[in-house]
Protein backbone atom coordinates (compact mmCIF):
# COMPACT_ATOMS: atom_id res chain seq x y z
CA MET A 1 43.56 128.29 97.73
CA LYS A 2 47.73 129.45 97.35
CA ILE A 3 48.37 132.73 95.68
CA ALA A 4 51.08 135.39 95.51
CA VAL A 5 49.53 138.69 96.15
CA ILE A 6 51.11 141.99 93.94
CA THR A 7 50.30 145.50 94.36
CA GLY A 8 51.45 147.56 91.11
CA ALA A 9 50.74 144.80 88.73
CA SER A 10 48.98 146.28 85.80
CA SER A 11 52.59 147.71 84.67
CA GLY A 12 56.35 148.10 85.65
CA MET A 13 58.17 145.72 88.19
CA GLY A 14 54.45 144.53 89.56
CA ARG A 15 53.75 143.17 85.94
CA GLU A 16 57.43 141.79 85.94
CA PHE A 17 56.86 140.00 89.35
CA CYS A 18 54.30 138.37 88.06
CA ARG A 19 55.52 137.24 84.61
CA GLN A 20 58.27 135.54 87.06
CA LEU A 21 56.40 134.38 90.12
CA ASP A 22 53.90 132.47 87.25
CA ASP A 23 55.69 128.90 87.65
CA ARG A 24 55.24 128.79 91.20
CA GLY A 25 52.54 126.97 91.61
CA PHE A 26 50.02 129.23 92.68
CA ASP A 27 46.43 128.24 92.17
CA GLU A 28 45.70 132.30 91.59
CA ILE A 29 47.87 135.40 91.49
CA TRP A 30 45.87 138.65 92.55
CA GLY A 31 47.18 142.05 91.30
CA LEU A 32 46.36 145.17 92.06
CA GLY A 33 46.97 148.37 90.15
CA LEU A 34 45.57 150.93 87.67
CA GLY A 35 44.26 150.25 83.91
CA GLU A 36 41.76 147.31 83.26
CA GLU A 37 43.50 146.81 79.59
CA ASN A 38 46.94 146.48 80.88
CA PHE A 39 45.49 143.76 83.48
CA LYS A 40 43.81 141.80 80.72
CA ALA A 41 46.81 141.68 78.60
CA LEU A 42 48.63 140.16 81.49
CA GLU A 43 45.90 137.57 82.39
CA ALA A 44 46.45 136.62 78.67
CA GLU A 45 50.42 136.14 79.55
CA LEU A 46 50.10 134.40 82.28
CA LYS A 47 49.56 130.11 82.80
CA THR A 48 48.19 130.91 86.19
CA PRO A 49 44.63 132.73 86.78
CA LEU A 50 44.51 136.30 87.65
CA ARG A 51 42.47 137.82 89.99
CA TYR A 52 42.84 141.84 89.41
CA PHE A 53 41.65 144.06 91.40
CA ASP A 54 41.30 147.68 89.35
CA ARG A 55 41.67 150.04 92.33
CA ASP A 56 43.53 153.07 93.23
CA LEU A 57 45.39 152.27 96.58
CA THR A 58 45.59 155.36 97.68
CA LYS A 59 41.86 155.30 98.53
CA LEU A 60 41.32 153.83 101.70
CA GLU A 61 38.21 152.56 100.44
CA ASN A 62 39.83 150.25 97.74
CA ILE A 63 42.53 148.68 100.57
CA GLU A 64 39.43 148.11 102.58
CA TYR A 65 37.18 146.21 99.53
CA PHE A 66 40.91 144.16 99.40
CA LYS A 67 40.66 143.16 102.96
CA SER A 68 37.45 142.19 102.58
CA GLU A 69 37.96 139.84 99.87
CA LEU A 70 40.32 138.77 101.87
CA GLU A 71 38.15 137.97 104.42
CA LYS A 72 35.69 136.22 102.56
CA TYR A 73 38.27 133.95 100.65
CA LYS A 74 40.87 133.19 103.23
CA PRO A 75 43.78 132.46 100.89
CA ALA A 76 46.44 131.16 101.92
CA VAL A 77 49.12 133.77 101.01
CA GLU A 78 52.52 132.35 99.88
CA TRP A 79 54.13 135.72 98.68
CA LEU A 80 53.34 139.34 98.90
CA VAL A 81 54.88 141.61 96.24
CA ASN A 82 54.14 145.53 96.93
CA ALA A 83 55.68 147.18 93.84
CA SER A 84 52.90 149.97 94.02
CA GLY A 85 54.10 153.54 94.14
CA PHE A 86 55.27 156.35 92.39
CA GLY A 87 57.79 159.52 92.43
CA LYS A 88 57.71 162.89 91.15
CA PHE A 89 61.04 165.04 90.26
CA GLY A 90 61.03 169.12 91.06
CA ARG A 91 61.54 171.20 93.86
CA TYR A 92 59.18 171.70 96.41
CA ASP A 93 57.25 174.71 94.97
CA GLU A 94 56.46 172.97 91.63
CA ILE A 95 55.14 169.51 93.06
CA GLU A 96 51.94 169.90 94.04
CA THR A 97 51.19 169.24 98.08
CA GLU A 98 48.54 166.89 97.12
CA THR A 99 50.84 164.99 95.02
CA SER A 100 53.29 164.67 97.48
CA VAL A 101 51.05 163.58 100.30
CA ASN A 102 49.39 161.08 97.56
CA MET A 103 53.13 159.76 96.88
CA ILE A 104 53.37 159.04 101.01
CA GLU A 105 49.88 157.70 100.71
CA LEU A 106 50.55 155.24 98.29
CA ASN A 107 54.47 154.27 99.02
CA CYS A 108 53.86 154.15 103.02
CA VAL A 109 50.50 154.27 103.97
CA ALA A 110 48.93 151.75 101.38
CA LEU A 111 52.44 150.02 101.61
CA VAL A 112 51.69 149.22 105.24
CA ARG A 113 48.13 148.54 105.20
CA MET A 114 48.51 145.92 102.18
CA THR A 115 51.01 143.94 104.58
CA GLU A 116 49.57 144.44 107.59
CA TYR A 117 46.20 143.17 106.12
CA VAL A 118 48.00 140.13 104.45
CA LEU A 119 49.96 139.00 107.19
CA PRO A 120 47.30 137.26 108.98
CA TYR A 121 46.71 135.01 106.06
CA MET A 122 50.53 134.21 105.13
CA VAL A 123 51.62 130.90 105.50
CA LYS A 124 54.53 129.65 107.25
CA GLY A 125 58.02 129.96 105.12
CA GLY A 126 55.71 133.09 102.91
CA ARG A 127 57.42 135.44 101.73
CA ILE A 128 57.31 139.45 101.48
CA ILE A 129 58.86 142.30 99.21
CA GLU A 130 58.88 145.68 99.77
CA ILE A 131 60.29 147.88 96.96
CA ALA A 132 61.92 150.69 98.13
CA SER A 133 65.07 152.56 96.09
CA VAL A 134 68.62 153.52 96.36
CA ALA A 135 67.48 157.01 96.63
CA GLY A 136 66.39 155.92 100.25
CA PHE A 137 70.02 155.54 101.70
CA GLN A 138 70.14 159.62 101.27
CA PRO A 139 68.44 162.73 101.12
CA ILE A 140 67.87 164.01 97.54
CA PRO A 141 67.17 167.53 96.49
CA CYS A 142 64.37 168.28 94.50
CA ILE A 143 63.03 164.32 94.98
CA ASN A 144 62.91 164.86 98.64
CA VAL A 145 59.54 163.84 99.70
CA TYR A 146 59.89 160.17 97.61
CA ALA A 147 63.67 159.72 99.02
CA ALA A 148 62.20 159.93 102.21
CA THR A 149 59.12 157.22 101.35
CA LYS A 150 62.14 154.64 100.42
CA ALA A 151 63.93 155.63 103.65
CA PHE A 152 60.67 154.84 105.75
CA VAL A 153 60.19 151.69 103.66
CA ILE A 154 64.10 150.49 104.26
CA SER A 155 63.84 150.57 107.85
CA TYR A 156 59.95 149.31 108.14
CA SER A 157 60.75 145.97 106.09
CA ARG A 158 64.00 145.22 107.70
CA ALA A 159 62.44 145.74 111.88
CA LEU A 160 59.86 143.71 110.51
CA ASN A 161 61.76 141.17 108.83
CA VAL A 162 63.11 140.60 112.84
CA GLU A 163 59.39 140.56 113.83
CA LEU A 164 58.23 138.02 111.69
CA LYS A 165 61.29 135.65 112.23
CA SER A 166 59.08 133.25 114.90
CA ARG A 167 56.68 133.11 112.08
CA ASN A 168 59.03 131.83 109.33
CA ILE A 169 57.90 134.37 106.98
CA SER A 170 60.99 136.38 105.59
CA VAL A 171 60.68 140.22 104.40
CA THR A 172 63.24 140.99 101.54
CA CYS A 173 63.54 144.81 101.26
CA LEU A 174 64.70 145.51 97.45
CA CYS A 175 66.12 148.94 96.61
CA PRO A 176 66.74 149.23 93.12
CA PHE A 177 68.67 151.93 91.33
CA TRP A 178 67.34 153.36 87.88
CA THR A 179 65.09 151.07 86.18
CA LYS A 180 63.23 151.32 82.83
CA THR A 181 59.69 151.50 83.57
CA ALA A 182 56.57 153.37 82.99
CA PHE A 183 58.01 154.96 86.68
CA PHE A 184 60.07 157.93 84.80
CA ASP A 185 57.30 158.95 82.58
CA ARG A 186 55.29 160.28 85.48
CA ALA A 187 58.52 161.43 87.70
CA LYS A 188 60.35 163.24 85.22
CA LYS A 189 57.99 165.27 83.12
CA ILE A 190 59.41 168.69 83.00
CA ASN A 191 57.91 170.69 85.19
CA SER A 192 55.16 173.13 83.34
CA LYS A 193 56.14 176.17 85.51
CA THR A 194 59.71 176.26 85.22
CA GLY A 195 60.29 173.80 81.82
CA ILE A 196 62.99 172.38 84.34
CA GLU A 197 64.00 168.64 83.85
CA VAL A 198 65.31 167.82 87.19
CA VAL A 199 67.22 164.55 86.59
CA SER A 200 69.12 164.84 83.48
CA LYS A 201 72.02 162.28 83.69
CA TYR A 202 71.46 159.10 84.54
CA VAL A 203 74.97 156.72 85.34
CA VAL A 204 73.52 153.32 84.55
CA MET A 205 69.31 152.41 83.82
CA TYR A 206 68.76 148.63 84.83
CA ASP A 207 66.71 146.42 82.96
CA PRO A 208 63.56 145.22 85.35
CA ILE A 209 63.85 141.60 84.21
CA MET A 210 66.67 141.46 85.73
CA ILE A 211 66.04 143.18 89.08
CA VAL A 212 62.90 141.69 89.34
CA LYS A 213 65.20 138.33 89.12
CA LYS A 214 67.70 139.06 91.55
CA ALA A 215 64.76 140.04 94.32
CA ILE A 216 63.12 136.89 93.93
CA LYS A 217 66.37 134.98 94.45
CA SER A 218 67.06 137.32 97.17
CA ALA A 219 63.61 136.46 98.83
CA ASP A 220 63.93 132.70 98.16
CA LYS A 221 67.29 132.54 100.58
CA ARG A 222 65.52 134.87 102.75
CA LYS A 223 67.67 137.95 103.08
CA ASP A 224 66.73 140.91 103.87
CA MET A 225 68.11 143.60 101.54
CA CYS A 226 68.58 143.04 97.92
CA ILE A 227 70.09 145.67 95.57
CA PRO A 228 70.69 144.36 92.47
CA GLY A 229 73.96 145.93 90.23
CA PHE A 230 77.59 146.31 91.01
CA ILE A 231 76.88 150.11 90.38
CA ALA A 232 73.78 150.38 92.59
CA ARG A 233 75.85 148.95 95.23
CA SER A 234 78.86 150.95 95.00
CA GLN A 235 77.11 154.18 95.78
CA VAL A 236 74.88 152.84 98.35
CA ARG A 237 78.49 152.00 100.17
CA LEU A 238 79.60 155.43 99.23
CA VAL A 239 76.65 157.28 100.77
CA LYS A 240 77.07 155.21 104.15
CA MET A 241 80.66 156.33 104.20
CA LEU A 242 80.28 160.11 103.28
CA PRO A 243 78.34 162.68 105.05
CA HIS A 244 75.04 163.47 104.05
CA LYS A 245 75.71 167.30 103.25
CA MET A 246 78.57 166.22 100.67
CA VAL A 247 76.26 163.55 98.65
CA MET A 248 73.43 166.28 98.76
CA LYS A 249 76.08 168.89 96.85
CA ILE A 250 77.57 165.73 94.59
CA TRP A 251 73.99 165.33 93.21
CA CYS A 252 72.85 168.60 92.87
CA LYS A 253 76.33 169.22 90.88
CA GLN A 254 75.68 166.24 88.66
CA GLN A 255 72.63 167.35 87.91
CA LYS A 256 73.64 171.13 87.41
CA LEU A 257 70.69 171.76 89.60
CA THR A 258 71.84 174.86 91.18
CA LYS A 259 72.86 176.53 87.68
CA LYS A 260 69.19 175.12 85.95
CA TYR A 261 67.30 176.71 88.90
CA ARG A 262 69.67 180.08 88.97
CA ASP A 263 69.16 180.74 85.69
CA LYS A 264 65.08 180.65 85.91
């Protein structure tokens, strides 16, 4: 049984990956995420049968359950897309510690577990897409934990790509810029204590359809990195040239963070 495994499949970019990989001739698409109604709606859209797992991947028992399903069915996994993740904007004292830990659990720990649990079932020539962010190339005040998790994903993905060459499995690290998804409904929610909207200026907001299309094209070409969009690539180049201290200062000035918090 040839399958694609996609986490975060119930919404956002994960859902779009399901749509755009629908014509690849899989026997099934296995989707993981939250929201049974969303999965049922997605199932109606797809030509490929969808086997969905409505489970929270921050919980170890849910990932272990998925591992047991892999052991049971022993599918031939051709694609793995790790699109699960979330962010939260705010200063360190505005975000609950548990929220920050959950961010690390989902963005990093669950991603590694899913990758390593799926790898024994991946076929020669298989493709993995790990979703990071342009935020992973720099430290970002008031998005500190999220940016750090994405830095981890970038480093992990690029090294794993080298390790898997002997199996002819490629790993593409997708690093999108601001993208129009439900991510922001949770991430930019104004803090109830201070009323501060941390991120209020966006240089550009990309369409997830374009982002996913570019990512799949890069994976087909076995590229280890995909940074869709001219502005996104330009920012990454600039960040690599400037000292991080200066980059953080520019960010704080752009979002007027010093003034926002001083006024509170």
